[in-house]
């Protein structure tokens, strides 16, 4: 939302702010760290972050105690300083298969039938909170998949190259050319709307329903044009691509050290840095990230979970993922908003894994899937162990309602989880 001149605070030196993030980017010259809601909505959650760990997590090392005083495990040690900022949900069921690992946020009845896959969690949220920013939903993956984000039964095309992600979020544009293209698109859209309206009184009731769907898609196009126009009207600053991420390796095993310097692992950290900045500068308010790669033989190691060496490697791989997660959440937490809250307070973060790795089920289990719910203004600091039959959609429904959506169901939810 725009603030009046009287509401403007002291100007923020964007160059200094971005230096602290270790890079410079093409960003709008905002009054401060991004657009913030006003009044009673000042600290309400208005962003969603979804991330799926594709190869699975080792459920044999999840905490066994529950509640506020639960004893954490070595898997989640990297998140220890953030314990009051997240809720760990475990023992959730994946009713799909090994192939369904990519459908973590679109868990409908039958993944073998794409027609039954409607809208994923991120797309449902984007329809509600995504239209106030230039990019309504950022979908990112590191490996090719069948689809991680879904809209209307079709997969949303993801970005799978870090340079393309950078250019999509922050790249330079020819404003004159872009303005000309937007004018042309508006003219075509206006003509389409006029034609559709003229037909409305000439067609059958059944065809009117089809025209209503068409009007809905036209309104979505109109919102997209409006977002682009707002973006073009803002000043931008120019900065280079972010540098490599370095994690401390003191006291870690040789295997853990190899993980932290692996190029694929480092690339994923860069993805998260870019998404953090996209949230921070209100380029987007919704993102869905999928990462599955066989760095250092992670997939192979999942098949060795029955051995002590294999078990330890899987736990150390999970710790690597949690180190990246902690770094991302810390960045959100350290970013203050005008309302006096933090960016983490305003971002509902959902981190999950569609598969569990355990001695009981082997490398691709369907039981005991986790969901880490972080930020968003929930009352955190606890471990909730579900009954083993509920799926993650109950947790996702709670997130959607928390973001202000008036929905009673999501996908195959059987109820709304109490987070």
Protein backbone atom coordinates (compact mmCIF):
# COMPACT_ATOMS: atom_id res chain seq x y z
CA UNK A 1 0.00 0.00 0.00
CA UNK A 2 1.16 3.53 -0.65
CA UNK A 3 1.69 5.85 2.25
CA UNK A 4 0.98 9.56 2.29
CA UNK A 5 3.83 12.03 2.46
CA UNK A 6 3.13 12.58 6.17
CA UNK A 7 3.56 8.87 6.82
CA UNK A 8 6.97 8.59 5.22
CA UNK A 9 9.79 7.84 7.64
CA UNK A 10 13.47 8.59 7.30
CA UNK A 11 14.84 7.47 3.92
CA UNK A 12 16.75 4.21 3.82
CA UNK A 13 20.10 3.99 2.04
CA UNK A 14 19.36 1.08 -0.31
CA UNK A 15 23.00 0.70 -1.27
CA UNK A 16 23.99 0.13 2.38
CA UNK A 17 21.10 -2.27 2.89
CA UNK A 18 22.02 -4.36 -0.12
CA UNK A 19 25.69 -4.37 0.77
CA UNK A 20 24.75 -6.07 4.02
CA UNK A 21 23.14 -8.82 1.91
CA UNK A 22 26.41 -9.25 0.02
CA UNK A 23 25.18 -8.16 -3.41
CA UNK A 24 23.52 -5.46 -5.49
CA UNK A 25 20.45 -6.01 -7.64
CA UNK A 26 17.95 -4.29 -9.94
CA UNK A 27 15.37 -3.28 -7.34
CA UNK A 28 12.61 -0.67 -7.07
CA UNK A 29 13.50 2.50 -5.19
CA UNK A 30 11.03 1.85 -2.38
CA UNK A 31 10.63 4.04 0.70
CA UNK A 32 12.27 1.34 2.80
CA UNK A 33 12.29 -2.47 2.83
CA UNK A 34 9.17 -3.01 0.76
CA UNK A 35 5.47 -2.30 0.88
CA UNK A 36 3.80 -2.91 4.22
CA UNK A 37 0.13 -3.10 5.13
CA UNK A 38 -1.29 -0.38 7.37
CA UNK A 39 -3.54 -0.19 10.40
CA UNK A 40 -4.74 -3.39 12.06
CA UNK A 41 -3.22 -5.46 9.24
CA UNK A 42 0.27 -4.13 9.97
CA UNK A 43 1.73 -7.37 11.29
CA UNK A 44 -0.56 -9.93 9.65
CA UNK A 45 1.08 -12.63 7.56
CA UNK A 46 0.92 -11.71 3.88
CA UNK A 47 3.61 -13.94 2.33
CA UNK A 48 3.96 -17.69 1.76
CA UNK A 49 7.14 -19.71 1.27
CA UNK A 50 6.94 -23.40 0.28
CA UNK A 51 9.93 -25.74 0.04
CA UNK A 52 10.04 -29.48 -0.59
CA UNK A 53 13.12 -31.63 0.08
CA UNK A 54 12.79 -34.13 -2.71
CA UNK A 55 15.00 -37.05 -1.76
CA UNK A 56 13.36 -37.44 1.63
CA UNK A 57 14.35 -36.93 5.27
CA UNK A 58 15.45 -39.54 7.78
CA UNK A 59 12.47 -40.01 10.07
CA UNK A 60 14.45 -42.35 12.36
CA UNK A 61 16.05 -39.22 13.80
CA UNK A 62 12.94 -37.14 14.41
CA UNK A 63 12.17 -36.08 18.02
CA UNK A 64 10.05 -38.49 20.05
CA UNK A 65 8.83 -36.10 22.75
CA UNK A 66 6.12 -33.57 21.90
CA UNK A 67 4.68 -30.27 23.07
CA UNK A 68 6.48 -27.11 24.14
CA UNK A 69 9.18 -28.93 26.08
CA UNK A 70 10.11 -31.44 23.40
CA UNK A 71 13.68 -32.61 23.15
CA UNK A 72 15.00 -31.90 19.67
CA UNK A 73 17.32 -34.20 17.71
CA UNK A 74 20.61 -33.71 15.89
CA UNK A 75 18.75 -33.35 12.57
CA UNK A 76 17.24 -30.06 13.71
CA UNK A 77 20.25 -28.78 15.65
CA UNK A 78 20.93 -26.06 13.01
CA UNK A 79 17.48 -24.65 13.85
CA UNK A 80 18.08 -24.59 17.62
CA UNK A 81 18.39 -20.79 17.87
CA UNK A 82 15.08 -20.50 15.99
CA UNK A 83 13.19 -23.01 18.12
CA UNK A 84 10.62 -20.41 19.22
CA UNK A 85 10.05 -19.40 15.60
CA UNK A 86 8.81 -22.70 14.18
CA UNK A 87 6.53 -25.64 14.89
CA UNK A 88 7.69 -29.12 13.92
CA UNK A 89 4.87 -31.33 12.61
CA UNK A 90 5.66 -35.03 12.13
CA UNK A 91 3.95 -38.38 11.52
CA UNK A 92 1.96 -37.02 8.56
CA UNK A 93 1.06 -39.43 5.78
CA UNK A 94 1.89 -39.27 2.07
CA UNK A 95 -0.85 -41.14 0.24
CA UNK A 96 0.95 -41.01 -3.08
CA UNK A 97 4.00 -42.97 -4.17
CA UNK A 98 7.68 -42.51 -4.86
CA UNK A 99 6.69 -40.65 -8.04
CA UNK A 100 4.52 -38.27 -6.05
CA UNK A 101 7.45 -36.71 -4.21
CA UNK A 102 7.10 -33.62 -6.41
CA UNK A 103 3.42 -33.14 -5.52
CA UNK A 104 4.22 -32.09 -1.97
CA UNK A 105 2.00 -29.00 -2.19
CA UNK A 106 -0.61 -30.46 -4.55
CA UNK A 107 -1.55 -33.64 -2.75
CA UNK A 108 -4.79 -34.58 -4.47
CA UNK A 109 -6.48 -37.98 -4.67
CA UNK A 110 -4.69 -39.61 -7.58
CA UNK A 111 -1.34 -38.34 -8.85
CA UNK A 112 -1.47 -40.82 -11.72
CA UNK A 113 -4.39 -38.81 -13.10
CA UNK A 114 -3.28 -35.18 -13.68
CA UNK A 115 -6.89 -34.13 -14.23
CA UNK A 116 -7.47 -34.61 -10.51
CA UNK A 117 -4.60 -32.28 -9.60
CA UNK A 118 -6.16 -28.86 -9.31
CA UNK A 119 -4.38 -25.92 -7.68
CA UNK A 120 -1.34 -26.34 -5.44
CA UNK A 121 -0.96 -24.58 -2.10
CA UNK A 122 1.17 -21.77 -3.54
CA UNK A 123 -1.27 -21.12 -6.40
CA UNK A 124 -4.27 -21.00 -4.08
CA UNK A 125 -2.42 -18.47 -1.92
CA UNK A 126 -1.18 -16.50 -4.94
CA UNK A 127 -4.75 -15.92 -6.11
CA UNK A 128 -5.35 -14.17 -2.79
CA UNK A 129 -2.06 -12.42 -1.93
CA UNK A 130 -0.03 -12.53 -5.14
CA UNK A 131 -1.63 -9.80 -7.21
CA UNK A 132 -0.13 -6.85 -5.32
CA UNK A 133 3.39 -7.64 -6.54
CA UNK A 134 5.04 -7.82 -9.95
CA UNK A 135 5.54 -11.61 -9.75
CA UNK A 136 2.48 -13.36 -8.30
CA UNK A 137 4.26 -16.68 -7.69
CA UNK A 138 7.90 -17.70 -8.08
CA UNK A 139 8.29 -21.41 -8.85
CA UNK A 140 11.86 -22.71 -8.64
CA UNK A 141 13.45 -26.15 -9.03
CA UNK A 142 16.93 -27.59 -9.39
CA UNK A 143 16.04 -30.69 -11.33
CA UNK A 144 13.43 -31.43 -13.96
CA UNK A 145 10.15 -32.70 -12.50
CA UNK A 146 6.63 -33.61 -13.52
CA UNK A 147 5.37 -30.44 -11.91
CA UNK A 148 5.74 -28.86 -8.47
CA UNK A 149 3.20 -26.06 -8.77
CA UNK A 150 -0.23 -26.57 -10.33
CA UNK A 151 -2.99 -24.30 -11.58
CA UNK A 152 -6.22 -25.51 -13.16
CA UNK A 153 -4.90 -29.05 -13.59
CA UNK A 154 -1.76 -27.91 -15.43
CA UNK A 155 1.81 -27.60 -14.12
CA UNK A 156 3.23 -24.09 -13.72
CA UNK A 157 6.50 -23.73 -15.60
CA UNK A 158 9.34 -23.52 -13.06
CA UNK A 159 12.65 -21.69 -13.25
CA UNK A 160 15.51 -24.18 -13.07
CA UNK A 161 18.51 -21.93 -13.74
CA UNK A 162 19.87 -19.56 -11.10
CA UNK A 163 20.92 -16.93 -13.66
CA UNK A 164 17.43 -16.93 -15.19
CA UNK A 165 15.95 -16.62 -11.69
CA UNK A 166 18.16 -13.60 -11.07
CA UNK A 167 17.15 -11.96 -14.34
CA UNK A 168 13.47 -12.75 -13.77
CA UNK A 169 13.45 -11.06 -10.39
CA UNK A 170 15.96 -8.26 -10.82
CA UNK A 171 17.04 -7.97 -14.47
CA UNK A 172 17.14 -4.76 -16.47
CA UNK A 173 14.32 -3.93 -18.86
CA UNK A 174 13.90 -1.54 -21.77
CA UNK A 175 11.18 0.59 -20.20
CA UNK A 176 10.12 2.22 -23.46
CA UNK A 177 9.74 -1.11 -25.25
CA UNK A 178 8.03 -2.71 -22.26
CA UNK A 179 5.60 0.21 -22.05
CA UNK A 180 4.74 -0.16 -25.74
CA UNK A 181 4.09 -3.88 -25.29
CA UNK A 182 1.89 -3.24 -22.27
CA UNK A 183 -0.14 -0.66 -24.21
CA UNK A 184 -0.67 -3.22 -26.98
CA UNK A 185 -1.67 -5.91 -24.48
CA UNK A 186 -4.15 -3.53 -22.82
CA UNK A 187 -5.69 -2.67 -26.18
CA UNK A 188 -6.11 -6.35 -27.05
CA UNK A 189 -7.50 -7.10 -23.60
CA UNK A 190 -10.03 -4.26 -23.79
CA UNK A 191 -11.18 -5.53 -27.18
CA UNK A 192 -11.57 -9.07 -25.81
CA UNK A 193 -13.59 -7.84 -22.83
CA UNK A 194 -15.85 -5.75 -25.08
CA UNK A 195 -16.47 -8.69 -27.43
CA UNK A 196 -17.27 -11.00 -24.51
CA UNK A 197 -19.70 -8.52 -22.97
CA UNK A 198 -21.51 -8.04 -26.28
CA UNK A 199 -22.02 -11.81 -26.52
CA UNK A 200 -23.31 -12.25 -22.97
CA UNK A 201 -26.97 -11.52 -23.82
CA UNK A 202 -26.90 -13.53 -27.03
CA UNK A 203 -25.86 -16.95 -25.74
CA UNK A 204 -27.42 -19.76 -23.72
CA UNK A 205 -27.23 -20.08 -19.94
CA UNK A 206 -24.63 -22.84 -20.33
CA UNK A 207 -22.49 -20.66 -22.57
CA UNK A 208 -22.77 -17.79 -20.09
CA UNK A 209 -21.08 -19.99 -17.52
CA UNK A 210 -18.25 -20.56 -19.96
CA UNK A 211 -18.04 -16.82 -20.60
CA UNK A 212 -17.81 -16.24 -16.84
CA UNK A 213 -14.74 -18.47 -16.77
CA UNK A 214 -13.35 -16.50 -19.70
CA UNK A 215 -13.97 -13.22 -17.84
CA UNK A 216 -12.09 -14.66 -14.88
CA UNK A 217 -9.02 -15.33 -17.03
CA UNK A 218 -9.28 -11.82 -18.52
CA UNK A 219 -9.34 -10.32 -15.04
CA UNK A 220 -6.18 -12.28 -14.20
CA UNK A 221 -4.53 -10.83 -17.32
CA UNK A 222 -5.65 -7.35 -16.31
CA UNK A 223 -4.07 -7.75 -12.88
CA UNK A 224 -0.84 -8.93 -14.51
CA UNK A 225 -0.72 -5.79 -16.67
CA UNK A 226 -1.40 -3.59 -13.64
CA UNK A 227 1.46 -5.24 -11.75
CA UNK A 228 3.83 -4.61 -14.67
CA UNK A 229 2.73 -0.97 -14.95
CA UNK A 230 3.42 -0.35 -11.27
CA UNK A 231 6.86 -1.91 -11.61
CA UNK A 232 7.75 0.22 -14.65
CA UNK A 233 6.80 3.41 -12.81
CA UNK A 234 9.37 2.83 -10.07
CA UNK A 235 13.05 3.73 -10.09
CA UNK A 236 15.57 0.89 -9.98
CA UNK A 237 19.10 0.46 -8.74
CA UNK A 238 21.70 -1.69 -10.45
CA UNK A 239 23.70 -4.40 -8.66
CA UNK A 240 25.64 -7.56 -9.62
CA UNK A 241 24.89 -11.25 -9.09
CA UNK A 242 25.25 -12.47 -5.47
CA UNK A 243 28.40 -14.30 -4.45
CA UNK A 244 28.83 -17.86 -3.21
CA UNK A 245 27.51 -18.83 0.20
CA UNK A 246 30.03 -20.12 2.72
CA UNK A 247 29.07 -22.20 5.73
CA UNK A 248 31.30 -22.82 8.72
CA UNK A 249 32.70 -26.36 8.69
CA UNK A 250 34.58 -26.38 12.02
CA UNK A 251 33.97 -29.56 14.00
CA UNK A 252 31.98 -31.27 11.26
CA UNK A 253 32.59 -34.69 9.74
CA UNK A 254 34.36 -35.02 6.40
CA UNK A 255 31.08 -36.01 4.76
CA UNK A 256 29.31 -32.90 6.13
CA UNK A 257 32.16 -30.72 4.93
CA UNK A 258 31.83 -32.15 1.42
CA UNK A 259 28.11 -31.37 1.46
CA UNK A 260 28.64 -27.74 2.43
CA UNK A 261 31.13 -27.06 -0.38
CA UNK A 262 29.24 -29.04 -3.04
CA UNK A 263 28.37 -26.78 -6.05
CA UNK A 264 24.77 -28.10 -6.17
CA UNK A 265 24.31 -27.39 -2.47
CA UNK A 266 25.79 -23.92 -2.90
CA UNK A 267 23.50 -23.23 -5.86
CA UNK A 268 20.47 -23.95 -3.74
CA UNK A 269 21.71 -21.49 -1.12
CA UNK A 270 21.92 -18.85 -3.86
CA UNK A 271 18.33 -19.63 -4.86
CA UNK A 272 17.24 -18.99 -1.28
CA UNK A 273 19.22 -15.75 -1.08
CA UNK A 274 17.49 -14.47 -4.21
CA UNK A 275 14.06 -15.47 -2.92
CA UNK A 276 14.77 -13.73 0.39
CA UNK A 277 15.51 -10.51 -1.49
CA UNK A 278 12.40 -10.98 -3.64
CA UNK A 279 10.33 -11.12 -0.44
CA UNK A 280 12.24 -8.30 1.19
CA UNK A 281 11.69 -5.88 -1.66
CA UNK A 282 8.14 -7.06 -2.33
CA UNK A 283 8.86 -8.37 -5.81
CA UNK A 284 6.79 -11.42 -4.88
CA UNK A 285 4.83 -12.67 -1.89
CA UNK A 286 4.58 -16.34 -2.88
CA UNK A 287 7.30 -18.85 -3.80
CA UNK A 288 7.50 -22.64 -4.23
CA UNK A 289 10.94 -24.31 -4.22
CA UNK A 290 11.70 -27.93 -5.08
CA UNK A 291 15.18 -29.36 -4.81
CA UNK A 292 16.21 -32.88 -5.59
CA UNK A 293 19.68 -33.69 -6.75
CA UNK A 294 22.05 -36.56 -6.20
CA UNK A 295 24.82 -34.51 -4.66
CA UNK A 296 27.49 -36.76 -3.20
CA UNK A 297 25.24 -39.74 -3.87
CA UNK A 298 22.45 -38.61 -1.54
CA UNK A 299 19.86 -40.75 -3.35
CA UNK A 300 22.22 -43.73 -3.26
CA UNK A 301 22.83 -43.18 0.45
CA UNK A 302 19.09 -43.25 1.09
CA UNK A 303 19.13 -46.89 -0.03
CA UNK A 304 21.78 -47.62 2.61
CA UNK A 305 19.75 -46.37 5.57
CA UNK A 306 19.65 -49.85 7.14
CA UNK A 307 23.41 -49.63 7.81
CA UNK A 308 24.89 -47.42 10.53
CA UNK A 309 27.08 -45.60 8.01
CA UNK A 310 24.11 -45.03 5.70
CA UNK A 311 21.93 -43.82 8.56
CA UNK A 312 24.56 -41.31 9.66
CA UNK A 313 25.03 -39.98 6.12
CA UNK A 314 21.30 -39.43 5.73
CA UNK A 315 21.13 -37.56 9.03
CA UNK A 316 24.09 -35.38 8.03
CA UNK A 317 22.43 -34.63 4.69
CA UNK A 318 19.30 -33.52 6.55
CA UNK A 319 21.45 -31.31 8.76
CA UNK A 320 22.79 -29.65 5.60
CA UNK A 321 19.24 -28.90 4.45
CA UNK A 322 18.42 -27.53 7.90
CA UNK A 323 21.49 -25.28 7.83
CA UNK A 324 20.21 -23.73 4.60
CA UNK A 325 16.71 -23.44 6.06
CA UNK A 326 18.04 -21.79 9.22
CA UNK A 327 20.07 -19.30 7.18
CA UNK A 328 16.99 -18.34 5.15
CA UNK A 329 14.78 -17.98 8.24
CA UNK A 330 17.44 -15.93 10.04
CA UNK A 331 17.52 -13.50 7.11
CA UNK A 332 13.75 -13.09 7.32
CA UNK A 333 13.91 -12.67 11.09
CA UNK A 334 16.66 -10.04 10.97
CA UNK A 335 14.71 -7.86 8.53
CA UNK A 336 12.53 -5.36 10.35
CA UNK A 337 9.36 -3.99 8.77
CA UNK A 338 7.85 -0.54 9.21
CA UNK A 339 5.15 -2.01 11.40
CA UNK A 340 7.83 -2.99 13.93
CA UNK A 341 7.59 -6.71 13.22
CA UNK A 342 9.98 -8.82 11.16
CA UNK A 343 9.71 -10.26 7.68
CA UNK A 344 9.53 -13.70 9.29
CA UNK A 345 6.44 -12.58 11.24
CA UNK A 346 4.77 -11.77 7.93
CA UNK A 347 5.90 -14.89 6.03
CA UNK A 348 4.30 -18.30 6.56
CA UNK A 349 7.11 -20.75 5.74
CA UNK A 350 6.28 -24.39 4.97
CA UNK A 351 9.24 -26.78 4.66
CA UNK A 352 8.43 -30.43 3.99
CA UNK A 353 9.65 -33.66 2.45
CA UNK A 354 7.32 -35.96 0.54
CA UNK A 355 9.30 -39.07 1.42
CA UNK A 356 10.67 -40.50 4.65
CA UNK A 357 13.90 -42.47 4.88
CA UNK A 358 13.87 -45.07 7.64
CA UNK A 359 15.04 -48.56 8.52
CA UNK A 360 11.42 -49.71 8.66
CA UNK A 361 10.27 -48.44 5.24
CA UNK A 362 13.58 -48.05 3.46
CA UNK A 363 14.54 -45.12 1.21
CA UNK A 364 11.13 -44.05 -0.12
CA UNK A 365 8.65 -44.33 2.73
CA UNK A 366 5.20 -42.80 2.86
CA UNK A 367 4.91 -42.61 6.66
CA UNK A 368 6.10 -39.94 9.08
CA UNK A 369 6.46 -37.03 6.67
CA UNK A 370 7.46 -33.76 8.37
CA UNK A 371 6.28 -30.19 7.88
CA UNK A 372 8.20 -27.35 9.48
CA UNK A 373 5.85 -24.38 9.91
CA UNK A 374 7.91 -21.27 10.58
CA UNK A 375 7.08 -17.59 11.06
CA UNK A 376 3.76 -16.10 10.05
CA UNK A 377 2.80 -15.03 13.56
CA UNK A 378 1.82 -18.51 14.78
CA UNK A 379 2.50 -19.50 18.38
CA UNK A 380 5.57 -21.67 17.83
CA UNK A 381 8.17 -23.56 19.84
CA UNK A 382 6.50 -26.97 19.86
CA UNK A 383 6.50 -30.42 18.26
CA UNK A 384 3.16 -31.83 17.10
CA UNK A 385 3.14 -35.56 16.36
CA UNK A 386 0.07 -36.39 14.28
CA UNK A 387 -1.78 -39.71 14.27
CA UNK A 388 -0.11 -41.20 11.20
CA UNK A 389 -3.25 -41.09 9.06
CA UNK A 390 -3.66 -37.33 8.57
CA UNK A 391 -1.93 -35.90 5.53
CA UNK A 392 -0.20 -32.57 5.12
CA UNK A 393 -3.23 -30.87 3.58
CA UNK A 394 -4.66 -30.36 7.07
CA UNK A 395 -1.57 -28.31 7.92
CA UNK A 396 -1.73 -26.47 4.60
CA UNK A 397 -5.38 -25.58 5.22
CA UNK A 398 -4.36 -23.99 8.53
CA UNK A 399 -1.75 -21.92 6.67
CA UNK A 400 -4.26 -20.73 4.06
CA UNK A 401 -6.78 -19.70 6.70
CA UNK A 402 -4.02 -17.93 8.63
CA UNK A 403 -3.23 -15.93 5.48
CA UNK A 404 -6.83 -14.75 5.40
CA UNK A 405 -8.35 -17.09 2.82
CA UNK A 406 -11.94 -18.06 3.51
CA UNK A 407 -11.59 -21.74 2.63
CA UNK A 408 -12.90 -24.80 4.46
CA UNK A 409 -11.02 -27.45 2.50
CA UNK A 410 -7.80 -27.87 0.58
CA UNK A 411 -7.22 -30.89 -1.69
CA UNK A 412 -7.78 -34.02 0.46
CA UNK A 413 -7.82 -32.30 3.85
CA UNK A 414 -9.95 -33.98 6.50
CA UNK A 415 -9.90 -30.97 8.81
CA UNK A 416 -7.87 -27.95 9.80
CA UNK A 417 -4.78 -28.71 11.88
CA UNK A 418 -4.25 -26.71 15.06
CA UNK A 419 -0.81 -25.15 14.74
